[in-house]
Amino acid sequence: MRSEGRVARITEVISGSPKSFEDAIIVGFRRASKTLRGITGLRVKEQRARVEDGKIVEFRVTLEVIFVLES
């Protein structure tokens, strides 16, 4: 009997929110969950803020979404 390990893949998602970095993460995760199955984790790769007229108008995050490939 042959033992097979799990294989994972990472895809990058960029999302934004006018509220907060935390909300931008949730927005990105919810969108990724619509098309990716088997998500096992997220890594926040980068955080940025868009500024207009001296005020933060959007919080942006780049996420690495980790998911297990189906056999």
PDB file of N, CA and C in Angstrom:
ATOM      1  N   MET A   1       0.838  -1.171   0.000  1.00  0.00           N
ATOM      2  CA  MET A   1       0.000   0.000   0.000  1.00  0.00           C
ATOM      3  C   MET A   1       0.889   1.244   0.000  1.00  0.00           C
ATOM      4  N   ARG A   2       0.614   2.152  -0.901  1.00  0.00           N
ATOM      5  CA  ARG A   2       1.415   3.359  -1.047  1.00  0.00           C
ATOM      6  C   ARG A   2       0.788   4.517  -0.273  1.00  0.00           C
ATOM      7  N   SER A   3       1.595   5.217   0.480  1.00  0.00           N
ATOM      8  CA  SER A   3       1.120   6.365   1.249  1.00  0.00           C
ATOM      9  C   SER A   3       1.301   7.630   0.422  1.00  0.00           C
ATOM     10  N   GLU A   4       0.234   8.412   0.304  1.00  0.00           N
ATOM     11  CA  GLU A   4       0.315   9.663  -0.436  1.00  0.00           C
ATOM     12  C   GLU A   4       0.211  10.835   0.527  1.00  0.00           C
ATOM     13  N   GLY A   5       1.090  11.793   0.373  1.00  0.00           N
ATOM     14  CA  GLY A   5       1.045  13.000   1.202  1.00  0.00           C
ATOM     15  C   GLY A   5       0.109  14.030   0.597  1.00  0.00           C
ATOM     16  N   ARG A   6      -0.051  15.095   1.314  1.00  0.00           N
ATOM     17  CA  ARG A   6      -0.886  16.186   0.820  1.00  0.00           C
ATOM     18  C   ARG A   6      -0.015  17.175   0.054  1.00  0.00           C
ATOM     19  N   VAL A   7      -0.594  17.791  -0.944  1.00  0.00           N
ATOM     20  CA  VAL A   7       0.104  18.807  -1.724  1.00  0.00           C
ATOM     21  C   VAL A   7      -0.711  20.095  -1.641  1.00  0.00           C
ATOM     22  N   ALA A   8      -0.037  21.176  -1.309  1.00  0.00           N
ATOM     23  CA  ALA A   8      -0.717  22.462  -1.184  1.00  0.00           C
ATOM     24  C   ALA A   8      -0.250  23.413  -2.280  1.00  0.00           C
ATOM     25  N   ARG A   9      -1.061  24.414  -2.491  1.00  0.00           N
ATOM     26  CA  ARG A   9      -0.743  25.447  -3.467  1.00  0.00           C
ATOM     27  C   ARG A   9      -0.977  26.803  -2.815  1.00  0.00           C
ATOM     28  N   ILE A  10      -0.280  27.813  -3.289  1.00  0.00           N
ATOM     29  CA  ILE A  10      -0.460  29.176  -2.791  1.00  0.00           C
ATOM     30  C   ILE A  10      -0.860  30.064  -3.961  1.00  0.00           C
ATOM     31  N   THR A  11      -1.895  30.849  -3.757  1.00  0.00           N
ATOM     32  CA  THR A  11      -2.293  31.834  -4.751  1.00  0.00           C
ATOM     33  C   THR A  11      -2.353  33.197  -4.075  1.00  0.00           C
ATOM     34  N   GLU A  12      -2.105  34.234  -4.832  1.00  0.00           N
ATOM     35  CA  GLU A  12      -2.058  35.577  -4.262  1.00  0.00           C
ATOM     36  C   GLU A  12      -3.357  36.318  -4.551  1.00  0.00           C
ATOM     37  N   VAL A  13      -3.862  37.020  -3.547  1.00  0.00           N
ATOM     38  CA  VAL A  13      -5.098  37.790  -3.658  1.00  0.00           C
ATOM     39  C   VAL A  13      -4.824  39.190  -3.123  1.00  0.00           C
ATOM     40  N   ILE A  14      -5.295  40.199  -3.837  1.00  0.00           N
ATOM     41  CA  ILE A  14      -5.184  41.580  -3.370  1.00  0.00           C
ATOM     42  C   ILE A  14      -6.595  42.091  -3.125  1.00  0.00           C
ATOM     43  N   SER A  15      -6.821  42.640  -1.935  1.00  0.00           N
ATOM     44  CA  SER A  15      -8.157  43.146  -1.610  1.00  0.00           C
ATOM     45  C   SER A  15      -8.049  44.452  -0.842  1.00  0.00           C
ATOM     46  N   GLY A  16      -9.175  45.165  -0.790  1.00  0.00           N
ATOM     47  CA  GLY A  16      -9.175  46.446  -0.111  1.00  0.00           C
ATOM     48  C   GLY A  16     -10.472  46.700   0.627  1.00  0.00           C
ATOM     49  N   SER A  17     -10.408  47.658   1.542  1.00  0.00           N
ATOM     50  CA  SER A  17     -11.568  48.055   2.333  1.00  0.00           C
ATOM     51  C   SER A  17     -11.382  49.499   2.789  1.00  0.00           C
ATOM     52  N   PRO A  18     -12.466  50.262   2.831  1.00  0.00           N
ATOM     53  CA  PRO A  18     -12.358  51.623   3.376  1.00  0.00           C
ATOM     54  C   PRO A  18     -12.319  51.639   4.907  1.00  0.00           C
ATOM     55  N   LYS A  19     -12.583  50.487   5.542  1.00  0.00           N
ATOM     56  CA  LYS A  19     -12.703  50.422   7.005  1.00  0.00           C
ATOM     57  C   LYS A  19     -11.383  50.189   7.727  1.00  0.00           C
ATOM     58  N   SER A  20     -10.683  49.071   7.381  1.00  0.00           N
ATOM     59  CA  SER A  20      -9.486  48.690   8.137  1.00  0.00           C
ATOM     60  C   SER A  20      -8.717  47.605   7.395  1.00  0.00           C
ATOM     61  N   PHE A  21      -7.476  47.360   7.859  1.00  0.00           N
ATOM     62  CA  PHE A  21      -6.705  46.248   7.309  1.00  0.00           C
ATOM     63  C   PHE A  21      -7.403  44.928   7.618  1.00  0.00           C
ATOM     64  N   GLU A  22      -7.926  44.792   8.831  1.00  0.00           N
ATOM     65  CA  GLU A  22      -8.621  43.559   9.209  1.00  0.00           C
ATOM     66  C   GLU A  22      -9.799  43.291   8.278  1.00  0.00           C
ATOM     67  N   ASP A  23     -10.563  44.323   7.960  1.00  0.00           N
ATOM     68  CA  ASP A  23     -11.699  44.148   7.054  1.00  0.00           C
ATOM     69  C   ASP A  23     -11.220  43.783   5.650  1.00  0.00           C
ATOM     70  N   ALA A  24     -10.117  44.364   5.206  1.00  0.00           N
ATOM     71  CA  ALA A  24      -9.568  44.024   3.889  1.00  0.00           C
ATOM     72  C   ALA A  24      -9.166  42.551   3.831  1.00  0.00           C
ATOM     73  N   ILE A  25      -8.633  42.020   4.932  1.00  0.00           N
ATOM     74  CA  ILE A  25      -8.283  40.598   5.002  1.00  0.00           C
ATOM     75  C   ILE A  25      -9.538  39.745   4.891  1.00  0.00           C
ATOM     76  N   ILE A  26     -10.574  40.117   5.619  1.00  0.00           N
ATOM     77  CA  ILE A  26     -11.833  39.362   5.588  1.00  0.00           C
ATOM     78  C   ILE A  26     -12.443  39.400   4.196  1.00  0.00           C
ATOM     79  N   VAL A  27     -12.429  40.563   3.549  1.00  0.00           N
ATOM     80  CA  VAL A  27     -12.958  40.700   2.186  1.00  0.00           C
ATOM     81  C   VAL A  27     -12.209  39.765   1.237  1.00  0.00           C
ATOM     82  N   GLY A  28     -10.884  39.754   1.324  1.00  0.00           N
ATOM     83  CA  GLY A  28     -10.078  38.891   0.458  1.00  0.00           C
ATOM     84  C   GLY A  28     -10.324  37.419   0.713  1.00  0.00           C
ATOM     85  N   PHE A  29     -10.424  37.046   1.994  1.00  0.00           N
ATOM     86  CA  PHE A  29     -10.677  35.649   2.347  1.00  0.00           C
ATOM     87  C   PHE A  29     -12.046  35.193   1.847  1.00  0.00           C
ATOM     88  N   ARG A  30     -13.065  36.004   2.055  1.00  0.00           N
ATOM     89  CA  ARG A  30     -14.423  35.632   1.603  1.00  0.00           C
ATOM     90  C   ARG A  30     -14.475  35.455   0.094  1.00  0.00           C
ATOM     91  N   ARG A  31     -13.795  36.337  -0.635  1.00  0.00           N
ATOM     92  CA  ARG A  31     -13.795  36.212  -2.095  1.00  0.00           C
ATOM     93  C   ARG A  31     -13.043  34.962  -2.530  1.00  0.00           C
ATOM     94  N   ALA A  32     -11.898  34.691  -1.928  1.00  0.00           N
ATOM     95  CA  ALA A  32     -11.122  33.495  -2.275  1.00  0.00           C
ATOM     96  C   ALA A  32     -11.915  32.234  -1.961  1.00  0.00           C
ATOM     97  N   SER A  33     -12.684  32.251  -0.880  1.00  0.00           N
ATOM     98  CA  SER A  33     -13.474  31.083  -0.467  1.00  0.00           C
ATOM     99  C   SER A  33     -14.563  30.728  -1.469  1.00  0.00           C
ATOM    100  N   LYS A  34     -14.958  31.684  -2.312  1.00  0.00           N
ATOM    101  CA  LYS A  34     -16.000  31.410  -3.310  1.00  0.00           C
ATOM    102  C   LYS A  34     -15.508  30.477  -4.413  1.00  0.00           C
ATOM    103  N   THR A  35     -14.208  30.508  -4.706  1.00  0.00           N
ATOM    104  CA  THR A  35     -13.700  29.701  -5.821  1.00  0.00           C
ATOM    105  C   THR A  35     -12.633  28.684  -5.433  1.00  0.00           C
ATOM    106  N   LEU A  36     -12.038  28.834  -4.262  1.00  0.00           N
ATOM    107  CA  LEU A  36     -11.000  27.895  -3.831  1.00  0.00           C
ATOM    108  C   LEU A  36     -11.536  26.991  -2.730  1.00  0.00           C
ATOM    109  N   ARG A  37     -11.321  25.692  -2.885  1.00  0.00           N
ATOM    110  CA  ARG A  37     -11.718  24.732  -1.851  1.00  0.00           C
ATOM    111  C   ARG A  37     -10.475  24.278  -1.093  1.00  0.00           C
ATOM    112  N   GLY A  38     -10.665  23.881   0.138  1.00  0.00           N
ATOM    113  CA  GLY A  38      -9.564  23.332   0.921  1.00  0.00           C
ATOM    114  C   GLY A  38      -8.588  24.363   1.451  1.00  0.00           C
ATOM    115  N   ILE A  39      -9.056  25.598   1.684  1.00  0.00           N
ATOM    116  CA  ILE A  39      -8.165  26.630   2.229  1.00  0.00           C
ATOM    117  C   ILE A  39      -7.738  26.231   3.638  1.00  0.00           C
ATOM    118  N   THR A  40      -6.430  26.266   3.871  1.00  0.00           N
ATOM    119  CA  THR A  40      -5.900  25.893   5.189  1.00  0.00           C
ATOM    120  C   THR A  40      -5.241  27.060   5.910  1.00  0.00           C
ATOM    121  N   GLY A  41      -4.996  28.158   5.203  1.00  0.00           N
ATOM    122  CA  GLY A  41      -4.369  29.285   5.876  1.00  0.00           C
ATOM    123  C   GLY A  41      -4.201  30.489   4.971  1.00  0.00           C
ATOM    124  N   LEU A  42      -3.853  31.602   5.608  1.00  0.00           N
ATOM    125  CA  LEU A  42      -3.581  32.859   4.913  1.00  0.00           C
ATOM    126  C   LEU A  42      -2.289  33.443   5.460  1.00  0.00           C
ATOM    127  N   ARG A  43      -1.587  34.165   4.623  1.00  0.00           N
ATOM    128  CA  ARG A  43      -0.415  34.929   5.069  1.00  0.00           C
ATOM    129  C   ARG A  43      -0.566  36.336   4.520  1.00  0.00           C
ATOM    130  N   VAL A  44      -0.508  37.315   5.390  1.00  0.00           N
ATOM    131  CA  VAL A  44      -0.556  38.705   4.946  1.00  0.00           C
ATOM    132  C   VAL A  44       0.848  39.071   4.474  1.00  0.00           C
ATOM    133  N   LYS A  45       0.973  39.222   3.181  1.00  0.00           N
ATOM    134  CA  LYS A  45       2.278  39.481   2.580  1.00  0.00           C
ATOM    135  C   LYS A  45       2.624  40.975   2.612  1.00  0.00           C
ATOM    136  N   GLU A  46       1.601  41.808   2.450  1.00  0.00           N
ATOM    137  CA  GLU A  46       1.850  43.247   2.388  1.00  0.00           C
ATOM    138  C   GLU A  46       0.610  44.018   2.808  1.00  0.00           C
ATOM    139  N   GLN A  47       0.826  45.164   3.432  1.00  0.00           N
ATOM    140  CA  GLN A  47      -0.256  46.082   3.774  1.00  0.00           C
ATOM    141  C   GLN A  47       0.099  47.447   3.209  1.00  0.00           C
ATOM    142  N   ARG A  48      -0.892  48.089   2.598  1.00  0.00           N
ATOM    143  CA  ARG A  48      -0.704  49.438   2.057  1.00  0.00           C
ATOM    144  C   ARG A  48      -1.964  50.244   2.326  1.00  0.00           C
ATOM    145  N   ALA A  49      -1.825  51.538   2.295  1.00  0.00           N
ATOM    146  CA  ALA A  49      -2.988  52.405   2.433  1.00  0.00           C
ATOM    147  C   ALA A  49      -2.981  53.415   1.291  1.00  0.00           C
ATOM    148  N   ARG A  50      -4.160  53.648   0.736  1.00  0.00           N
ATOM    149  CA  ARG A  50      -4.297  54.667  -0.309  1.00  0.00           C
ATOM    150  C   ARG A  50      -4.722  55.962   0.376  1.00  0.00           C
ATOM    151  N   VAL A  51      -4.042  57.045   0.051  1.00  0.00           N
ATOM    152  CA  VAL A  51      -4.281  58.326   0.707  1.00  0.00           C
ATOM    153  C   VAL A  51      -4.746  59.356  -0.319  1.00  0.00           C
ATOM    154  N   GLU A  52      -5.772  60.110   0.050  1.00  0.00           N
ATOM    155  CA  GLU A  52      -6.250  61.239  -0.757  1.00  0.00           C
ATOM    156  C   GLU A  52      -6.498  62.417   0.172  1.00  0.00           C
ATOM    157  N   ASP A  53      -6.027  63.569  -0.209  1.00  0.00           N
ATOM    158  CA  ASP A  53      -6.223  64.797   0.579  1.00  0.00           C
ATOM    159  C   ASP A  53      -5.818  64.628   2.038  1.00  0.00           C
ATOM    160  N   GLY A  54      -4.725  63.913   2.271  1.00  0.00           N
ATOM    161  CA  GLY A  54      -4.206  63.746   3.621  1.00  0.00           C
ATOM    162  C   GLY A  54      -4.969  62.772   4.496  1.00  0.00           C
ATOM    163  N   LYS A  55      -5.880  61.990   3.894  1.00  0.00           N
ATOM    164  CA  LYS A  55      -6.662  61.013   4.668  1.00  0.00           C
ATOM    165  C   LYS A  55      -6.573  59.631   4.025  1.00  0.00           C
ATOM    166  N   ILE A  56      -6.560  58.609   4.864  1.00  0.00           N
ATOM    167  CA  ILE A  56      -6.581  57.234   4.357  1.00  0.00           C
ATOM    168  C   ILE A  56      -7.981  56.948   3.829  1.00  0.00           C
ATOM    169  N   VAL A  57      -8.051  56.566   2.558  1.00  0.00           N
ATOM    170  CA  VAL A  57      -9.349  56.276   1.943  1.00  0.00           C
ATOM    171  C   VAL A  57      -9.545  54.790   1.667  1.00  0.00           C
ATOM    172  N   GLU A  58      -8.451  54.025   1.678  1.00  0.00           N
ATOM    173  CA  GLU A  58      -8.579  52.583   1.460  1.00  0.00           C
ATOM    174  C   GLU A  58      -7.388  51.854   2.074  1.00  0.00           C
ATOM    175  N   PHE A  59      -7.697  50.764   2.756  1.00  0.00           N
ATOM    176  CA  PHE A  59      -6.692  49.861   3.304  1.00  0.00           C
ATOM    177  C   PHE A  59      -6.583  48.682   2.347  1.00  0.00           C
ATOM    178  N   ARG A  60      -5.364  48.372   1.896  1.00  0.00           N
ATOM    179  CA  ARG A  60      -5.164  47.283   0.936  1.00  0.00           C
ATOM    180  C   ARG A  60      -4.222  46.240   1.517  1.00  0.00           C
ATOM    181  N   VAL A  61      -4.516  44.981   1.222  1.00  0.00           N
ATOM    182  CA  VAL A  61      -3.644  43.888   1.648  1.00  0.00           C
ATOM    183  C   VAL A  61      -3.377  42.957   0.478  1.00  0.00           C
ATOM    184  N   THR A  62      -2.192  42.388   0.484  1.00  0.00           N
ATOM    185  CA  THR A  62      -1.851  41.308  -0.435  1.00  0.00           C
ATOM    186  C   THR A  62      -1.776  40.054   0.420  1.00  0.00           C
ATOM    187  N   LEU A  63      -2.587  39.069   0.060  1.00  0.00           N
ATOM    188  CA  LEU A  63      -2.672  37.825   0.824  1.00  0.00           C
ATOM    189  C   LEU A  63      -2.125  36.666   0.017  1.00  0.00           C
ATOM    190  N   GLU A  64      -1.453  35.751   0.689  1.00  0.00           N
ATOM    191  CA  GLU A  64      -1.143  34.448   0.115  1.00  0.00           C
ATOM    192  C   GLU A  64      -2.167  33.485   0.704  1.00  0.00           C
ATOM    193  N   VAL A  65      -2.965  32.898  -0.165  1.00  0.00           N
ATOM    194  CA  VAL A  65      -3.998  31.949   0.263  1.00  0.00           C
ATOM    195  C   VAL A  65      -3.459  30.544   0.028  1.00  0.00           C
ATOM    196  N   ILE A  66      -3.406  29.749   1.092  1.00  0.00           N
ATOM    197  CA  ILE A  66      -2.853  28.396   1.024  1.00  0.00           C
ATOM    198  C   ILE A  66      -4.009  27.406   1.014  1.00  0.00           C
ATOM    199  N   PHE A  67      -3.998  26.504   0.040  1.00  0.00           N
ATOM    200  CA  PHE A  67      -5.059  25.500  -0.025  1.00  0.00           C
ATOM    201  C   PHE A  67      -4.494  24.162  -0.480  1.00  0.00           C
ATOM    202  N   VAL A  68      -5.143  23.094  -0.042  1.00  0.00           N
ATOM    203  CA  VAL A  68      -4.709  21.734  -0.365  1.00  0.00           C
ATOM    204  C   VAL A  68      -5.358  21.311  -1.677  1.00  0.00           C
ATOM    205  N   LEU A  69      -4.550  20.759  -2.573  1.00  0.00           N
ATOM    206  CA  LEU A  69      -5.069  20.267  -3.851  1.00  0.00           C
ATOM    207  C   LEU A  69      -5.831  18.971  -3.635  1.00  0.00           C
ATOM    208  N   GLU A  70      -6.938  18.846  -4.346  1.00  0.00           N
ATOM    209  CA  GLU A  70      -7.736  17.619  -4.248  1.00  0.00           C
ATOM    210  C   GLU A  70      -7.048  16.503  -5.019  1.00  0.00           C
ATOM    211  N   SER A  71      -7.224  15.291  -4.519  1.00  0.00           N
ATOM    212  CA  SER A  71      -6.587  14.154  -5.203  1.00  0.00           C
ATOM    213  C   SER A  71      -7.452  13.615  -6.312  1.00  0.00           C
TER     214      SER A  71
END
